[in-house]
C-alpha cells in the first residue's frame, strides 16, 4: 500500500502527508474493523443445467456452480464482513475533505475484508479435512454467470443479519465491505491451487 501511495500521480517526492495518512488509517482501521463470519453447510439435492439445488429445494442460479459443484455431496454458503464502523468513518472523513486519510482507511478496510475472507476459507478447509474431502474454489454471485441477487439468497440462508449484514433488494450487501460466496466440499473439486473463479467470469478482463 505504501508503494502504491508513493507512486500516485501528483504526490511530490519527499511529501510524507500520504505516509502520515497511512499511519492514521492503520491505527483507526484496527479499532474500527469488526470482522464476522456466518456460514451453513447444505446437502446437494439436485443438479440442473443452469442451477444447483441444495437443502430443501433452494436453487443457486448459476450454470457454472451447477457444473463445478454438481458432483459433490455438500456446499458451504458463507458471508463475511468487517462491519459498518470503518465505512462510516471513511464517509465522515470524506465529508471533512480529509481525502488522504479517507482513501488510506478505505484501502485498509479492503485489506481487512480480504483477511476475514481468508479466515473464513480456512474454516471451510478445516471442515473439508475433517470429512476427508477437499474445499473447492469459492464462487461469488455478481459475476457474469451468477446474478447479484444470489447474494440475497446466501445472506438469508446463513442468517447474515446475526452478524449485522443485510442484503438489499438488488442483492447488494450492507455494510458494503461484505462478501458472499459458495464452496463445494468433495473429493473431486477444483481447488484454489488449480484454478480461480475468475476463469469462469466473462468480465474478468475488466479487473486487469
N, C-alpha and C. Protein backbone atom coordinates (compact mmCIF):
# COMPACT_ATOMS: atom_id res chain seq x y z
N UNK A 1 0.84 -1.21 0.00
CA UNK A 1 0.00 0.00 0.00
C UNK A 1 0.87 1.25 0.00
N UNK A 2 1.92 1.24 0.81
CA UNK A 2 2.82 2.39 0.85
C UNK A 2 3.46 2.62 -0.52
N UNK A 3 3.84 1.55 -1.18
CA UNK A 3 4.44 1.69 -2.51
C UNK A 3 3.46 2.33 -3.48
N UNK A 4 2.19 1.90 -3.43
CA UNK A 4 1.19 2.47 -4.33
C UNK A 4 0.99 3.96 -4.06
N UNK A 5 0.96 4.34 -2.79
CA UNK A 5 0.75 5.74 -2.45
C UNK A 5 1.91 6.60 -2.91
N UNK A 6 3.12 6.07 -2.79
CA UNK A 6 4.28 6.84 -3.24
C UNK A 6 4.25 7.04 -4.76
N UNK A 7 3.59 6.15 -5.47
CA UNK A 7 3.57 6.23 -6.93
C UNK A 7 2.38 7.01 -7.46
N UNK A 8 1.51 7.47 -6.58
CA UNK A 8 0.31 8.19 -7.06
C UNK A 8 0.71 9.47 -7.78
N UNK A 9 0.11 9.73 -8.95
CA UNK A 9 0.41 10.97 -9.68
C UNK A 9 0.09 12.19 -8.83
N UNK A 10 0.95 13.19 -8.86
CA UNK A 10 0.69 14.43 -8.16
C UNK A 10 1.20 14.46 -6.73
N UNK A 11 1.74 13.34 -6.25
CA UNK A 11 2.29 13.33 -4.89
C UNK A 11 3.77 13.68 -4.97
N UNK A 12 4.19 14.84 -4.47
CA UNK A 12 5.60 15.26 -4.58
C UNK A 12 6.52 14.30 -3.85
N UNK A 13 7.71 14.09 -4.40
CA UNK A 13 8.70 13.26 -3.74
C UNK A 13 9.08 13.92 -2.40
N UNK A 14 9.16 13.11 -1.38
CA UNK A 14 9.52 13.62 -0.07
C UNK A 14 8.33 14.14 0.72
N UNK A 15 7.16 14.23 0.10
CA UNK A 15 5.97 14.66 0.82
C UNK A 15 5.45 13.48 1.63
N UNK A 16 5.46 13.62 2.94
CA UNK A 16 5.06 12.49 3.78
C UNK A 16 3.62 12.59 4.25
N UNK A 17 2.80 13.43 3.63
CA UNK A 17 1.40 13.55 4.02
C UNK A 17 0.68 12.21 3.85
N UNK A 18 0.97 11.54 2.73
CA UNK A 18 0.32 10.25 2.50
C UNK A 18 0.80 9.22 3.51
N UNK A 19 2.07 9.28 3.88
CA UNK A 19 2.59 8.32 4.84
C UNK A 19 1.95 8.53 6.21
N UNK A 20 1.76 9.78 6.60
CA UNK A 20 1.06 10.05 7.86
C UNK A 20 -0.37 9.57 7.79
N UNK A 21 -0.98 9.73 6.61
CA UNK A 21 -2.36 9.27 6.43
C UNK A 21 -2.45 7.76 6.61
N UNK A 22 -1.46 7.04 6.10
CA UNK A 22 -1.45 5.59 6.25
C UNK A 22 -1.33 5.20 7.72
N UNK A 23 -0.43 5.87 8.45
CA UNK A 23 -0.29 5.56 9.88
C UNK A 23 -1.60 5.78 10.62
N UNK A 24 -2.27 6.89 10.30
CA UNK A 24 -3.56 7.18 10.93
C UNK A 24 -4.59 6.12 10.56
N UNK A 25 -4.61 5.76 9.27
CA UNK A 25 -5.59 4.77 8.80
C UNK A 25 -5.37 3.41 9.45
N UNK A 26 -4.12 3.01 9.59
CA UNK A 26 -3.84 1.72 10.22
C UNK A 26 -4.31 1.70 11.67
N UNK A 27 -4.06 2.80 12.38
CA UNK A 27 -4.48 2.86 13.77
C UNK A 27 -6.01 2.83 13.88
N UNK A 28 -6.68 3.62 13.04
CA UNK A 28 -8.15 3.64 13.08
C UNK A 28 -8.73 2.33 12.58
N UNK A 29 -8.10 1.75 11.56
CA UNK A 29 -8.61 0.51 10.99
C UNK A 29 -8.63 -0.62 12.00
N UNK A 30 -7.58 -0.70 12.80
CA UNK A 30 -7.54 -1.75 13.84
C UNK A 30 -8.68 -1.58 14.84
N UNK A 31 -9.03 -0.35 15.09
CA UNK A 31 -10.10 -0.08 16.07
C UNK A 31 -11.49 -0.27 15.47
N UNK A 32 -11.64 0.07 14.19
CA UNK A 32 -12.98 0.12 13.59
C UNK A 32 -13.41 -1.18 12.91
N UNK A 33 -12.45 -1.96 12.43
CA UNK A 33 -12.80 -3.21 11.76
C UNK A 33 -13.36 -4.21 12.77
N UNK A 34 -14.51 -4.77 12.46
CA UNK A 34 -15.16 -5.75 13.33
C UNK A 34 -15.49 -7.00 12.50
N UNK A 35 -14.50 -7.81 12.19
CA UNK A 35 -14.73 -8.95 11.30
C UNK A 35 -15.69 -9.97 11.90
N UNK A 36 -16.55 -10.51 11.06
CA UNK A 36 -17.51 -11.53 11.49
C UNK A 36 -17.82 -12.42 10.30
N UNK A 37 -18.15 -13.66 10.59
CA UNK A 37 -18.41 -14.66 9.56
C UNK A 37 -19.68 -15.42 9.92
N UNK A 38 -20.54 -15.68 8.91
CA UNK A 38 -21.72 -16.53 9.08
C UNK A 38 -21.70 -17.57 7.97
N UNK A 39 -21.96 -18.83 8.31
CA UNK A 39 -21.96 -19.86 7.28
C UNK A 39 -22.86 -21.03 7.67
N UNK A 40 -23.25 -21.80 6.66
CA UNK A 40 -24.03 -23.01 6.85
C UNK A 40 -23.62 -24.02 5.79
N UNK A 41 -23.78 -25.30 6.12
CA UNK A 41 -23.48 -26.38 5.18
C UNK A 41 -24.80 -27.01 4.73
N UNK A 42 -24.93 -27.21 3.41
CA UNK A 42 -26.16 -27.75 2.85
C UNK A 42 -25.85 -28.93 1.94
N UNK A 43 -26.71 -29.97 1.95
CA UNK A 43 -26.52 -31.08 1.01
C UNK A 43 -26.95 -30.67 -0.40
N UNK A 44 -26.28 -31.22 -1.39
CA UNK A 44 -26.70 -31.03 -2.77
C UNK A 44 -27.81 -32.04 -3.05
N UNK A 45 -28.98 -31.54 -3.49
CA UNK A 45 -30.13 -32.43 -3.68
C UNK A 45 -30.51 -32.63 -5.14
N UNK A 46 -30.07 -31.74 -6.03
CA UNK A 46 -30.37 -31.91 -7.45
C UNK A 46 -29.45 -31.03 -8.27
N UNK A 47 -29.18 -31.47 -9.49
CA UNK A 47 -28.34 -30.71 -10.41
C UNK A 47 -29.10 -30.52 -11.72
N UNK A 48 -29.21 -29.28 -12.15
CA UNK A 48 -29.85 -28.94 -13.41
C UNK A 48 -28.86 -28.16 -14.26
N UNK A 49 -29.08 -28.05 -15.57
CA UNK A 49 -28.10 -27.38 -16.43
C UNK A 49 -27.75 -25.96 -16.01
N UNK A 50 -28.71 -25.23 -15.48
CA UNK A 50 -28.46 -23.82 -15.17
C UNK A 50 -28.52 -23.50 -13.69
N UNK A 51 -28.64 -24.51 -12.83
CA UNK A 51 -28.69 -24.22 -11.41
C UNK A 51 -28.41 -25.47 -10.58
N UNK A 52 -28.00 -25.21 -9.34
CA UNK A 52 -27.74 -26.29 -8.39
C UNK A 52 -28.75 -26.17 -7.26
N UNK A 53 -29.39 -27.26 -6.93
CA UNK A 53 -30.40 -27.26 -5.87
C UNK A 53 -29.77 -27.83 -4.61
N UNK A 54 -29.90 -27.09 -3.51
CA UNK A 54 -29.35 -27.51 -2.23
C UNK A 54 -30.43 -27.49 -1.17
N UNK A 55 -30.21 -28.22 -0.09
CA UNK A 55 -31.16 -28.20 1.01
C UNK A 55 -32.57 -28.55 0.57
N UNK A 56 -33.52 -27.82 1.09
CA UNK A 56 -34.92 -28.07 0.78
C UNK A 56 -35.35 -27.22 -0.42
N UNK A 57 -34.91 -27.63 -1.59
CA UNK A 57 -35.33 -27.00 -2.86
C UNK A 57 -34.90 -25.55 -3.01
N UNK A 58 -33.72 -25.22 -2.51
CA UNK A 58 -33.16 -23.89 -2.69
C UNK A 58 -32.20 -23.93 -3.87
N UNK A 59 -32.41 -23.05 -4.87
CA UNK A 59 -31.63 -23.10 -6.10
C UNK A 59 -30.58 -22.01 -6.15
N UNK A 60 -29.33 -22.41 -6.46
CA UNK A 60 -28.26 -21.46 -6.75
C UNK A 60 -28.25 -21.30 -8.27
N UNK A 61 -28.69 -20.14 -8.73
CA UNK A 61 -28.97 -19.93 -10.16
C UNK A 61 -27.72 -19.60 -10.96
N UNK A 62 -26.90 -20.62 -11.18
CA UNK A 62 -25.66 -20.44 -11.94
C UNK A 62 -25.29 -21.74 -12.63
N UNK A 63 -25.13 -21.67 -13.94
CA UNK A 63 -24.70 -22.84 -14.67
C UNK A 63 -23.30 -23.28 -14.29
N UNK A 64 -22.43 -22.32 -13.98
CA UNK A 64 -21.06 -22.65 -13.57
C UNK A 64 -21.07 -23.35 -12.22
N UNK A 65 -21.87 -22.86 -11.29
CA UNK A 65 -21.99 -23.52 -9.98
C UNK A 65 -22.49 -24.95 -10.17
N UNK A 66 -23.49 -25.12 -11.02
CA UNK A 66 -24.03 -26.46 -11.27
C UNK A 66 -22.97 -27.38 -11.88
N UNK A 67 -22.19 -26.85 -12.82
CA UNK A 67 -21.19 -27.67 -13.49
C UNK A 67 -20.04 -28.05 -12.57
N UNK A 68 -19.58 -27.09 -11.75
CA UNK A 68 -18.41 -27.35 -10.90
C UNK A 68 -18.77 -28.05 -9.59
N UNK A 69 -19.98 -27.80 -9.09
CA UNK A 69 -20.36 -28.33 -7.78
C UNK A 69 -21.34 -29.50 -7.88
N UNK A 70 -21.75 -29.86 -9.08
CA UNK A 70 -22.82 -30.84 -9.24
C UNK A 70 -22.48 -32.24 -8.77
N UNK A 71 -21.20 -32.58 -8.70
CA UNK A 71 -20.82 -33.95 -8.34
C UNK A 71 -20.49 -34.10 -6.86
N UNK A 72 -20.65 -33.04 -6.08
CA UNK A 72 -20.27 -33.10 -4.66
C UNK A 72 -21.48 -33.40 -3.79
N UNK A 73 -21.22 -33.70 -2.54
CA UNK A 73 -22.32 -34.00 -1.63
C UNK A 73 -22.80 -32.81 -0.84
N UNK A 74 -21.89 -31.82 -0.61
CA UNK A 74 -22.25 -30.69 0.23
C UNK A 74 -21.69 -29.39 -0.31
N UNK A 75 -22.37 -28.30 0.01
CA UNK A 75 -21.93 -26.96 -0.35
C UNK A 75 -21.99 -26.08 0.89
N UNK A 76 -20.96 -25.27 1.08
CA UNK A 76 -20.93 -24.31 2.18
C UNK A 76 -21.26 -22.93 1.62
N UNK A 77 -22.23 -22.27 2.22
CA UNK A 77 -22.52 -20.87 1.91
C UNK A 77 -21.97 -20.01 3.05
N UNK A 78 -21.36 -18.88 2.68
CA UNK A 78 -20.71 -18.05 3.70
C UNK A 78 -20.86 -16.57 3.36
N UNK A 79 -21.01 -15.76 4.39
CA UNK A 79 -20.95 -14.30 4.30
C UNK A 79 -19.94 -13.82 5.32
N UNK A 80 -19.07 -12.92 4.90
CA UNK A 80 -18.13 -12.33 5.86
C UNK A 80 -18.09 -10.82 5.68
N UNK A 81 -17.73 -10.12 6.74
CA UNK A 81 -17.80 -8.66 6.76
C UNK A 81 -16.78 -8.09 7.74
N UNK A 82 -16.54 -6.78 7.65
CA UNK A 82 -15.76 -6.10 8.70
C UNK A 82 -16.65 -5.11 9.46
N UNK A 83 -17.95 -5.17 9.21
CA UNK A 83 -18.87 -4.32 9.95
C UNK A 83 -19.00 -2.92 9.37
N UNK A 84 -19.85 -2.08 9.96
CA UNK A 84 -20.18 -0.77 9.40
C UNK A 84 -19.31 0.40 9.86
N UNK A 85 -18.54 0.23 10.92
CA UNK A 85 -17.88 1.39 11.53
C UNK A 85 -16.81 2.00 10.63
N UNK A 86 -16.01 1.16 9.98
CA UNK A 86 -14.95 1.69 9.14
C UNK A 86 -15.53 2.45 7.95
N UNK A 87 -16.55 1.91 7.32
CA UNK A 87 -17.19 2.59 6.20
C UNK A 87 -17.75 3.95 6.63
N UNK A 88 -18.39 3.97 7.78
CA UNK A 88 -18.97 5.22 8.27
C UNK A 88 -17.88 6.26 8.52
N UNK A 89 -16.73 5.82 9.02
CA UNK A 89 -15.63 6.75 9.27
C UNK A 89 -15.05 7.28 7.97
N UNK A 90 -14.96 6.42 6.93
CA UNK A 90 -14.49 6.88 5.62
C UNK A 90 -15.42 7.96 5.08
N UNK A 91 -16.73 7.77 5.21
CA UNK A 91 -17.70 8.77 4.74
C UNK A 91 -17.53 10.07 5.51
N UNK A 92 -17.30 9.96 6.81
CA UNK A 92 -17.13 11.15 7.65
C UNK A 92 -15.87 11.92 7.24
N UNK A 93 -14.78 11.21 7.03
CA UNK A 93 -13.53 11.86 6.63
C UNK A 93 -13.66 12.51 5.25
N UNK A 94 -14.36 11.86 4.34
CA UNK A 94 -14.57 12.43 3.01
C UNK A 94 -15.38 13.71 3.09
N UNK A 95 -16.42 13.71 3.95
CA UNK A 95 -17.23 14.91 4.12
C UNK A 95 -16.41 16.06 4.70
N UNK A 96 -15.39 15.72 5.48
CA UNK A 96 -14.50 16.73 6.07
C UNK A 96 -13.33 17.07 5.14
N UNK A 97 -13.33 16.50 3.94
CA UNK A 97 -12.28 16.69 2.94
C UNK A 97 -10.91 16.22 3.43
N UNK A 98 -10.93 15.25 4.30
CA UNK A 98 -9.69 14.60 4.73
C UNK A 98 -9.42 13.45 3.78
N UNK A 99 -9.18 13.78 2.53
CA UNK A 99 -9.14 12.76 1.49
C UNK A 99 -8.00 11.76 1.62
N UNK A 100 -6.77 12.17 1.97
CA UNK A 100 -5.71 11.16 2.10
C UNK A 100 -6.03 10.09 3.13
N UNK A 101 -6.52 10.50 4.30
CA UNK A 101 -6.84 9.53 5.35
C UNK A 101 -8.04 8.68 4.93
N UNK A 102 -9.04 9.31 4.30
CA UNK A 102 -10.21 8.55 3.86
C UNK A 102 -9.81 7.48 2.85
N UNK A 103 -8.96 7.88 1.89
CA UNK A 103 -8.50 6.93 0.88
C UNK A 103 -7.73 5.78 1.53
N UNK A 104 -6.80 6.13 2.42
CA UNK A 104 -5.98 5.11 3.07
C UNK A 104 -6.82 4.20 3.96
N UNK A 105 -7.78 4.76 4.68
CA UNK A 105 -8.62 3.95 5.56
C UNK A 105 -9.49 3.00 4.76
N UNK A 106 -10.00 3.46 3.62
CA UNK A 106 -10.79 2.58 2.77
C UNK A 106 -9.94 1.41 2.27
N UNK A 107 -8.69 1.70 1.92
CA UNK A 107 -7.78 0.63 1.47
C UNK A 107 -7.49 -0.34 2.60
N UNK A 108 -7.27 0.18 3.80
CA UNK A 108 -7.05 -0.69 4.95
C UNK A 108 -8.27 -1.59 5.18
N UNK A 109 -9.46 -1.02 4.99
CA UNK A 109 -10.68 -1.82 5.14
C UNK A 109 -10.75 -2.94 4.12
N UNK A 110 -10.32 -2.67 2.89
CA UNK A 110 -10.33 -3.70 1.86
C UNK A 110 -9.38 -4.84 2.22
N UNK A 111 -8.20 -4.47 2.75
CA UNK A 111 -7.25 -5.49 3.18
C UNK A 111 -7.83 -6.31 4.34
N UNK A 112 -8.46 -5.62 5.29
CA UNK A 112 -9.07 -6.32 6.42
C UNK A 112 -10.15 -7.27 5.96
N UNK A 113 -10.95 -6.85 4.97
CA UNK A 113 -12.00 -7.71 4.44
C UNK A 113 -11.39 -8.95 3.80
N UNK A 114 -10.30 -8.75 3.07
CA UNK A 114 -9.63 -9.89 2.47
C UNK A 114 -9.12 -10.88 3.52
N UNK A 115 -8.60 -10.34 4.61
CA UNK A 115 -8.12 -11.21 5.69
C UNK A 115 -9.28 -11.97 6.34
N UNK A 116 -10.42 -11.32 6.48
CA UNK A 116 -11.59 -12.01 7.03
C UNK A 116 -12.00 -13.15 6.11
N UNK A 117 -11.93 -12.90 4.79
CA UNK A 117 -12.25 -13.96 3.83
C UNK A 117 -11.28 -15.12 3.92
N UNK A 118 -10.00 -14.82 4.11
CA UNK A 118 -9.01 -15.89 4.27
C UNK A 118 -9.31 -16.73 5.50
N UNK A 119 -9.71 -16.08 6.58
CA UNK A 119 -10.06 -16.81 7.80
C UNK A 119 -11.28 -17.68 7.57
N UNK A 120 -12.26 -17.13 6.84
CA UNK A 120 -13.47 -17.91 6.55
C UNK A 120 -13.16 -19.13 5.70
N UNK A 121 -12.33 -18.94 4.69
CA UNK A 121 -11.99 -20.07 3.82
C UNK A 121 -11.18 -21.11 4.59
N UNK A 122 -10.34 -20.67 5.51
CA UNK A 122 -9.57 -21.61 6.33
C UNK A 122 -10.50 -22.48 7.17
N UNK A 123 -11.60 -21.89 7.66
CA UNK A 123 -12.59 -22.69 8.40
C UNK A 123 -13.17 -23.78 7.51
N UNK A 124 -13.46 -23.42 6.25
CA UNK A 124 -14.04 -24.39 5.33
C UNK A 124 -13.02 -25.49 5.01
N UNK A 125 -11.77 -25.10 4.81
CA UNK A 125 -10.73 -26.11 4.55
C UNK A 125 -10.61 -27.09 5.71
N UNK A 126 -10.67 -26.57 6.93
CA UNK A 126 -10.60 -27.45 8.10
C UNK A 126 -11.80 -28.39 8.14
N UNK A 127 -12.97 -27.87 7.80
CA UNK A 127 -14.17 -28.68 7.76
C UNK A 127 -14.04 -29.79 6.72
N UNK A 128 -13.49 -29.44 5.55
CA UNK A 128 -13.29 -30.43 4.50
C UNK A 128 -12.32 -31.52 4.95
N UNK A 129 -11.25 -31.11 5.61
CA UNK A 129 -10.26 -32.09 6.08
C UNK A 129 -10.88 -33.07 7.07
N UNK A 130 -11.75 -32.57 7.94
CA UNK A 130 -12.43 -33.45 8.90
C UNK A 130 -13.29 -34.48 8.19
N UNK A 131 -13.83 -34.11 7.02
CA UNK A 131 -14.68 -35.02 6.26
C UNK A 131 -13.89 -35.90 5.29
N UNK A 132 -12.59 -35.66 5.22
CA UNK A 132 -11.77 -36.43 4.31
C UNK A 132 -11.92 -36.03 2.86
N UNK A 133 -12.33 -34.78 2.61
CA UNK A 133 -12.51 -34.29 1.24
C UNK A 133 -11.73 -32.99 1.08
N UNK A 134 -11.96 -32.28 -0.04
CA UNK A 134 -11.26 -31.03 -0.31
C UNK A 134 -12.27 -29.89 -0.45
N UNK A 135 -11.80 -28.68 -0.28
CA UNK A 135 -12.62 -27.48 -0.48
C UNK A 135 -12.34 -26.91 -1.86
N UNK A 136 -13.38 -26.55 -2.57
CA UNK A 136 -13.24 -26.02 -3.92
C UNK A 136 -12.89 -24.54 -3.92
N UNK A 137 -12.70 -24.01 -5.11
CA UNK A 137 -12.59 -22.56 -5.24
C UNK A 137 -13.92 -21.93 -4.81
N UNK A 138 -13.89 -20.75 -4.23
CA UNK A 138 -15.14 -20.05 -3.91
C UNK A 138 -15.73 -19.43 -5.17
N UNK A 139 -17.05 -19.47 -5.29
CA UNK A 139 -17.76 -18.83 -6.38
C UNK A 139 -18.71 -17.79 -5.80
N UNK A 140 -18.73 -16.60 -6.41
CA UNK A 140 -19.48 -15.46 -5.88
C UNK A 140 -20.63 -15.05 -6.78
N UNK A 141 -21.77 -14.72 -6.22
CA UNK A 141 -22.78 -14.01 -7.01
C UNK A 141 -22.24 -12.65 -7.45
N UNK A 142 -22.77 -12.14 -8.55
CA UNK A 142 -22.32 -10.86 -9.06
C UNK A 142 -21.35 -11.00 -10.20
N UNK A 143 -21.01 -12.24 -10.57
CA UNK A 143 -20.18 -12.49 -11.74
C UNK A 143 -21.08 -12.67 -12.96
N UNK A 144 -20.47 -12.88 -14.12
CA UNK A 144 -21.26 -12.98 -15.35
C UNK A 144 -22.17 -14.20 -15.36
N UNK A 145 -21.84 -15.23 -14.56
CA UNK A 145 -22.63 -16.46 -14.59
C UNK A 145 -23.59 -16.60 -13.41
N UNK A 146 -23.54 -15.67 -12.44
CA UNK A 146 -24.38 -15.80 -11.24
C UNK A 146 -24.89 -14.42 -10.87
N UNK A 147 -26.19 -14.17 -11.03
CA UNK A 147 -26.74 -12.83 -10.75
C UNK A 147 -26.46 -12.36 -9.33
N UNK A 148 -26.35 -11.05 -9.17
CA UNK A 148 -26.08 -10.47 -7.86
C UNK A 148 -27.17 -10.82 -6.85
N UNK A 149 -28.37 -11.11 -7.34
CA UNK A 149 -29.46 -11.49 -6.44
C UNK A 149 -29.11 -12.73 -5.62
N UNK A 150 -28.13 -13.51 -6.09
CA UNK A 150 -27.71 -14.67 -5.32
C UNK A 150 -27.15 -14.31 -3.96
N UNK A 151 -26.65 -13.08 -3.82
CA UNK A 151 -26.14 -12.66 -2.51
C UNK A 151 -27.27 -12.58 -1.49
N UNK A 152 -28.43 -12.12 -1.95
CA UNK A 152 -29.56 -12.03 -1.03
C UNK A 152 -29.97 -13.42 -0.55
N UNK A 153 -29.96 -14.38 -1.45
CA UNK A 153 -30.29 -15.75 -1.08
C UNK A 153 -29.29 -16.31 -0.07
N UNK A 154 -28.00 -16.12 -0.33
CA UNK A 154 -26.99 -16.62 0.60
C UNK A 154 -27.13 -15.96 1.96
N UNK A 155 -27.35 -14.64 1.95
CA UNK A 155 -27.49 -13.91 3.22
C UNK A 155 -28.65 -14.47 4.04
N UNK A 156 -29.74 -14.81 3.36
CA UNK A 156 -30.89 -15.39 4.07
C UNK A 156 -30.57 -16.78 4.59
N UNK A 157 -29.89 -17.58 3.78
CA UNK A 157 -29.62 -18.97 4.14
C UNK A 157 -28.67 -19.09 5.34
N UNK A 158 -27.75 -18.13 5.48
CA UNK A 158 -26.78 -18.22 6.59
C UNK A 158 -27.15 -17.30 7.75
N UNK A 159 -28.32 -16.67 7.67
CA UNK A 159 -28.80 -15.74 8.71
C UNK A 159 -27.77 -14.64 8.97
N UNK A 160 -27.39 -13.98 7.88
CA UNK A 160 -26.35 -12.95 7.96
C UNK A 160 -26.72 -11.78 8.84
N UNK A 161 -27.99 -11.57 9.08
CA UNK A 161 -28.40 -10.46 9.95
C UNK A 161 -27.83 -10.62 11.36
N UNK A 162 -27.55 -11.86 11.73
CA UNK A 162 -26.99 -12.10 13.06
C UNK A 162 -25.58 -11.54 13.21
N UNK A 163 -24.91 -11.28 12.08
CA UNK A 163 -23.59 -10.63 12.14
C UNK A 163 -23.67 -9.20 11.59
N UNK A 164 -24.89 -8.68 11.48
CA UNK A 164 -25.07 -7.29 11.09
C UNK A 164 -25.06 -7.02 9.60
N UNK A 165 -25.24 -8.05 8.78
CA UNK A 165 -25.23 -7.88 7.33
C UNK A 165 -26.63 -8.10 6.77
N UNK A 166 -27.07 -7.17 5.93
CA UNK A 166 -28.36 -7.29 5.27
C UNK A 166 -28.18 -7.17 3.76
N UNK A 167 -29.02 -7.86 3.03
CA UNK A 167 -28.99 -7.78 1.56
C UNK A 167 -30.14 -6.91 1.09
N UNK A 168 -29.82 -5.95 0.27
CA UNK A 168 -30.86 -5.10 -0.29
C UNK A 168 -31.57 -5.81 -1.43
N UNK A 169 -32.65 -5.22 -1.91
CA UNK A 169 -33.46 -5.85 -2.94
C UNK A 169 -32.64 -6.20 -4.17
N UNK A 170 -31.67 -5.36 -4.49
CA UNK A 170 -30.81 -5.59 -5.65
C UNK A 170 -29.84 -6.76 -5.44
N UNK A 171 -29.65 -7.16 -4.19
CA UNK A 171 -28.67 -8.17 -3.87
C UNK A 171 -27.41 -7.60 -3.25
N UNK A 172 -27.23 -6.28 -3.31
CA UNK A 172 -26.06 -5.64 -2.71
C UNK A 172 -26.08 -5.83 -1.20
N UNK A 173 -24.95 -6.19 -0.63
CA UNK A 173 -24.86 -6.39 0.80
C UNK A 173 -24.53 -5.08 1.50
N UNK A 174 -25.05 -4.93 2.69
CA UNK A 174 -24.75 -3.76 3.53
C UNK A 174 -24.45 -4.25 4.93
N UNK A 175 -23.31 -3.85 5.52
CA UNK A 175 -22.29 -2.94 5.03
C UNK A 175 -21.68 -3.40 3.69
N UNK A 176 -21.18 -2.42 2.93
CA UNK A 176 -20.67 -2.73 1.60
C UNK A 176 -19.43 -3.60 1.66
N UNK A 177 -18.62 -3.46 2.69
CA UNK A 177 -17.45 -4.32 2.81
C UNK A 177 -17.88 -5.65 3.42
N UNK A 178 -18.67 -6.37 2.66
CA UNK A 178 -19.17 -7.70 3.00
C UNK A 178 -19.20 -8.51 1.71
N UNK A 179 -18.96 -9.79 1.81
CA UNK A 179 -18.90 -10.66 0.63
C UNK A 179 -19.62 -11.97 0.93
N UNK A 180 -20.31 -12.50 -0.09
CA UNK A 180 -20.97 -13.80 -0.01
C UNK A 180 -20.37 -14.74 -1.04
N UNK A 181 -20.22 -16.01 -0.66
CA UNK A 181 -19.71 -16.98 -1.64
C UNK A 181 -20.17 -18.38 -1.28
N UNK A 182 -19.94 -19.30 -2.23
CA UNK A 182 -20.25 -20.72 -2.04
C UNK A 182 -19.00 -21.53 -2.33
N UNK A 183 -18.80 -22.60 -1.56
CA UNK A 183 -17.66 -23.51 -1.72
C UNK A 183 -18.18 -24.94 -1.67
N UNK A 184 -17.71 -25.77 -2.57
CA UNK A 184 -18.10 -27.17 -2.59
C UNK A 184 -17.14 -28.00 -1.75
N UNK A 185 -17.67 -29.04 -1.11
CA UNK A 185 -16.86 -29.99 -0.36
C UNK A 185 -16.95 -31.34 -1.07
N UNK A 186 -15.82 -31.83 -1.56
CA UNK A 186 -15.85 -33.10 -2.28
C UNK A 186 -14.47 -33.61 -2.59
N UNK A 187 -14.41 -34.84 -3.04
CA UNK A 187 -13.12 -35.45 -3.37
C UNK A 187 -12.57 -34.92 -4.68
N UNK A 188 -13.45 -34.67 -5.64
CA UNK A 188 -13.02 -34.25 -6.97
C UNK A 188 -13.53 -32.84 -7.24
N UNK A 189 -12.86 -31.86 -6.65
CA UNK A 189 -13.26 -30.46 -6.84
C UNK A 189 -12.06 -29.66 -7.33
N UNK A 190 -12.34 -28.54 -7.94
CA UNK A 190 -11.30 -27.62 -8.40
C UNK A 190 -10.88 -26.76 -7.21
N UNK A 191 -9.65 -26.86 -6.79
CA UNK A 191 -9.17 -26.12 -5.62
C UNK A 191 -8.50 -24.82 -6.06
N UNK A 192 -8.28 -23.88 -5.13
CA UNK A 192 -7.58 -22.63 -5.47
C UNK A 192 -6.19 -22.85 -6.05
N UNK A 193 -5.56 -23.97 -5.73
CA UNK A 193 -4.24 -24.25 -6.28
C UNK A 193 -4.32 -24.64 -7.76
N UNK A 194 -5.53 -24.99 -8.21
CA UNK A 194 -5.71 -25.49 -9.57
C UNK A 194 -6.47 -24.53 -10.48
N UNK A 195 -7.14 -23.56 -9.91
CA UNK A 195 -7.93 -22.65 -10.73
C UNK A 195 -8.47 -21.50 -9.91
N UNK A 196 -9.32 -20.68 -10.54
CA UNK A 196 -9.87 -19.50 -9.90
C UNK A 196 -11.27 -19.23 -10.44
N UNK A 197 -12.08 -18.59 -9.61
CA UNK A 197 -13.41 -18.22 -10.08
C UNK A 197 -13.34 -17.26 -11.26
N UNK A 198 -12.26 -16.51 -11.36
CA UNK A 198 -12.09 -15.56 -12.47
C UNK A 198 -12.05 -16.29 -13.82
N UNK A 199 -11.63 -17.55 -13.81
CA UNK A 199 -11.56 -18.31 -15.05
C UNK A 199 -12.93 -18.50 -15.69
N UNK A 200 -13.99 -18.33 -14.91
CA UNK A 200 -15.34 -18.60 -15.38
C UNK A 200 -16.18 -17.33 -15.53
N UNK A 201 -15.55 -16.18 -15.37
CA UNK A 201 -16.26 -14.90 -15.48
C UNK A 201 -15.97 -14.25 -16.82
N UNK A 202 -17.00 -13.93 -17.57
CA UNK A 202 -16.82 -13.33 -18.89
C UNK A 202 -16.35 -11.89 -18.80
N UNK A 203 -16.42 -11.29 -17.61
CA UNK A 203 -15.99 -9.91 -17.43
C UNK A 203 -14.64 -9.79 -16.74
N UNK A 204 -13.88 -10.88 -16.71
CA UNK A 204 -12.62 -10.87 -15.98
C UNK A 204 -11.63 -9.85 -16.51
N UNK A 205 -11.71 -9.51 -17.81
CA UNK A 205 -10.76 -8.54 -18.38
C UNK A 205 -10.93 -7.16 -17.75
N UNK A 206 -12.09 -6.87 -17.21
CA UNK A 206 -12.33 -5.57 -16.60
C UNK A 206 -11.54 -5.41 -15.29
N UNK A 207 -11.10 -6.51 -14.71
CA UNK A 207 -10.39 -6.46 -13.43
C UNK A 207 -8.89 -6.37 -13.61
N UNK A 208 -8.41 -6.45 -14.81
CA UNK A 208 -6.96 -6.43 -15.05
C UNK A 208 -6.42 -5.00 -14.97
